Each structure stands twice: as structure tokens, then as C-alpha cells.
């Protein structure tokens, strides 16, 4: 599994996400969510920050991240939740 697709889908983990990650993007598969993920992943302001993405469909999250990775390169600091 590529580093940008680490999976942590335990419900108790999701409820504590704010304390485990610097940034959490909910709804990352939609237009605005994917735009935000792309902007965060490419901005030097967020370098070194831990980022989690969340949504209703793990498959859609993976597809969205795969598309972003194809466009900008590897994102090792993202976690799918």
C-alpha cells in the first residue's frame, strides 16, 4: 500500500482525529474538499503537518487521492479516515 494511503478507520480514532492530526479535511471527495487537499498538499505553509482526509466512501477517498498524487506527486503525510 503506498504511503499516501495509510488507513485508520476505527470509529473511536475518527472521533479523536482533531487531537491526532494537525489538519482534518472532511468531505475530501467533493469538489471543494479535493481542492483543499490539493492546496494543503502543495503549500509550503503546511509542510511537516499531519493531514487526515475523511469522507463517506473509502473507495472515493482513494480515487481522489490517487488523482491528486498523479498530478502533484507522492503525499506521504496524508491518512485516510
C-alpha atoms as a PDB file:
ATOM      1  CA  UNK A   1       0.000   0.000   0.000  1.00  0.00           C
ATOM      2  CA  UNK A   2       1.517   3.395  -0.990  1.00  0.00           C
ATOM      3  CA  UNK A   3       2.358   5.759   1.907  1.00  0.00           C
ATOM      4  CA  UNK A   4      -0.343   8.264   0.947  1.00  0.00           C
ATOM      5  CA  UNK A   5      -2.989   5.623   1.558  1.00  0.00           C
ATOM      6  CA  UNK A   6      -2.484   4.712   5.201  1.00  0.00           C
ATOM      7  CA  UNK A   7      -5.804   3.622   6.635  1.00  0.00           C
ATOM      8  CA  UNK A   8      -7.109   4.367  10.093  1.00  0.00           C
ATOM      9  CA  UNK A   9     -10.880   3.873  10.094  1.00  0.00           C
ATOM     10  CA  UNK A  10     -11.531   2.932  13.715  1.00  0.00           C
ATOM     11  CA  UNK A  11     -14.602   4.988  14.784  1.00  0.00           C
ATOM     12  CA  UNK A  12     -13.004   5.953  18.099  1.00  0.00           C
ATOM     13  CA  UNK A  13      -9.977   7.227  16.189  1.00  0.00           C
ATOM     14  CA  UNK A  14     -12.168   9.312  13.907  1.00  0.00           C
ATOM     15  CA  UNK A  15     -13.785  10.990  16.920  1.00  0.00           C
ATOM     16  CA  UNK A  16     -10.320  11.933  18.252  1.00  0.00           C
ATOM     17  CA  UNK A  17      -8.937  12.985  14.868  1.00  0.00           C
ATOM     18  CA  UNK A  18      -8.603  16.617  15.824  1.00  0.00           C
ATOM     19  CA  UNK A  19      -6.099  15.728  18.521  1.00  0.00           C
ATOM     20  CA  UNK A  20      -4.156  13.211  16.402  1.00  0.00           C
ATOM     21  CA  UNK A  21      -3.685  15.259  13.246  1.00  0.00           C
ATOM     22  CA  UNK A  22      -2.796  18.867  12.583  1.00  0.00           C
ATOM     23  CA  UNK A  23      -5.414  19.155   9.814  1.00  0.00           C
ATOM     24  CA  UNK A  24      -8.518  17.091   9.047  1.00  0.00           C
ATOM     25  CA  UNK A  25     -10.398  17.580   5.775  1.00  0.00           C
ATOM     26  CA  UNK A  26     -13.925  16.194   5.923  1.00  0.00           C
ATOM     27  CA  UNK A  27     -15.719  15.677   2.626  1.00  0.00           C
ATOM     28  CA  UNK A  28     -12.424  15.330   0.779  1.00  0.00           C
ATOM     29  CA  UNK A  29     -14.030  13.657  -2.244  1.00  0.00           C
ATOM     30  CA  UNK A  30     -16.174  16.618  -3.249  1.00  0.00           C
ATOM     31  CA  UNK A  31     -15.033  19.489  -5.457  1.00  0.00           C
ATOM     32  CA  UNK A  32     -14.175  21.836  -2.605  1.00  0.00           C
ATOM     33  CA  UNK A  33     -12.694  19.121  -0.396  1.00  0.00           C
ATOM     34  CA  UNK A  34     -10.368  17.822  -3.094  1.00  0.00           C
ATOM     35  CA  UNK A  35      -9.364  21.399  -3.927  1.00  0.00           C
ATOM     36  CA  UNK A  36      -8.481  21.986  -0.263  1.00  0.00           C
ATOM     37  CA  UNK A  37      -6.492  18.724  -0.015  1.00  0.00           C
ATOM     38  CA  UNK A  38      -4.554  19.648  -3.156  1.00  0.00           C
ATOM     39  CA  UNK A  39      -3.873  23.166  -1.854  1.00  0.00           C
ATOM     40  CA  UNK A  40      -2.702  21.903   1.533  1.00  0.00           C
ATOM     41  CA  UNK A  41      -0.528  19.204  -0.014  1.00  0.00           C
ATOM     42  CA  UNK A  42       1.273  21.698  -2.266  1.00  0.00           C
ATOM     43  CA  UNK A  43       1.573  24.662   0.096  1.00  0.00           C
ATOM     44  CA  UNK A  44       4.866  25.209   1.917  1.00  0.00           C
ATOM     45  CA  UNK A  45       2.832  26.599   4.829  1.00  0.00           C
ATOM     46  CA  UNK A  46       1.669  23.076   5.685  1.00  0.00           C
ATOM     47  CA  UNK A  47       4.970  21.253   5.211  1.00  0.00           C
ATOM     48  CA  UNK A  48       5.564  18.840   8.082  1.00  0.00           C
ATOM     49  CA  UNK A  49       1.919  18.870   9.189  1.00  0.00           C
ATOM     50  CA  UNK A  50      -0.044  15.660   9.575  1.00  0.00           C
ATOM     51  CA  UNK A  51      -3.180  15.632   7.460  1.00  0.00           C
ATOM     52  CA  UNK A  52      -6.146  13.263   7.574  1.00  0.00           C
ATOM     53  CA  UNK A  53      -8.855  13.064   4.941  1.00  0.00           C
ATOM     54  CA  UNK A  54     -12.306  11.768   5.711  1.00  0.00           C
ATOM     55  CA  UNK A  55     -15.434  11.003   3.755  1.00  0.00           C
ATOM     56  CA  UNK A  56     -18.310   8.578   3.442  1.00  0.00           C
ATOM     57  CA  UNK A  57     -16.623   6.336   0.883  1.00  0.00           C
ATOM     58  CA  UNK A  58     -13.142   4.916   1.332  1.00  0.00           C
ATOM     59  CA  UNK A  59     -13.077   3.967  -2.353  1.00  0.00           C
ATOM     60  CA  UNK A  60     -13.833   7.569  -3.382  1.00  0.00           C
ATOM     61  CA  UNK A  61     -11.195   8.877  -0.968  1.00  0.00           C
ATOM     62  CA  UNK A  62      -8.611   6.555  -2.502  1.00  0.00           C
ATOM     63  CA  UNK A  63      -9.622   7.582  -6.030  1.00  0.00           C
ATOM     64  CA  UNK A  64      -9.439  11.285  -5.128  1.00  0.00           C
ATOM     65  CA  UNK A  65      -6.001  10.905  -3.535  1.00  0.00           C
ATOM     66  CA  UNK A  66      -4.763   8.806  -6.460  1.00  0.00           C
ATOM     67  CA  UNK A  67      -5.789  11.584  -8.838  1.00  0.00           C
ATOM     68  CA  UNK A  68      -4.070  14.235  -6.736  1.00  0.00           C
ATOM     69  CA  UNK A  69      -0.924  12.108  -6.463  1.00  0.00           C
ATOM     70  CA  UNK A  70      -0.843  11.682 -10.253  1.00  0.00           C
ATOM     71  CA  UNK A  71      -0.984  15.467 -10.583  1.00  0.00           C
ATOM     72  CA  UNK A  72       1.424  16.601  -7.854  1.00  0.00           C
ATOM     73  CA  UNK A  73       3.444  13.575  -6.740  1.00  0.00           C
ATOM     74  CA  UNK A  74       3.551  11.498  -3.582  1.00  0.00           C
ATOM     75  CA  UNK A  75       1.826  12.735  -0.419  1.00  0.00           C
ATOM     76  CA  UNK A  76       3.311  10.717   2.417  1.00  0.00           C
ATOM     77  CA  UNK A  77       1.738  12.791   5.193  1.00  0.00           C
ATOM     78  CA  UNK A  78      -1.901  12.014   4.408  1.00  0.00           C
ATOM     79  CA  UNK A  79      -4.069   9.481   6.231  1.00  0.00           C
ATOM     80  CA  UNK A  80      -7.441   8.211   5.009  1.00  0.00           C
ATOM     81  CA  UNK A  81     -10.019   8.088   7.773  1.00  0.00           C
END
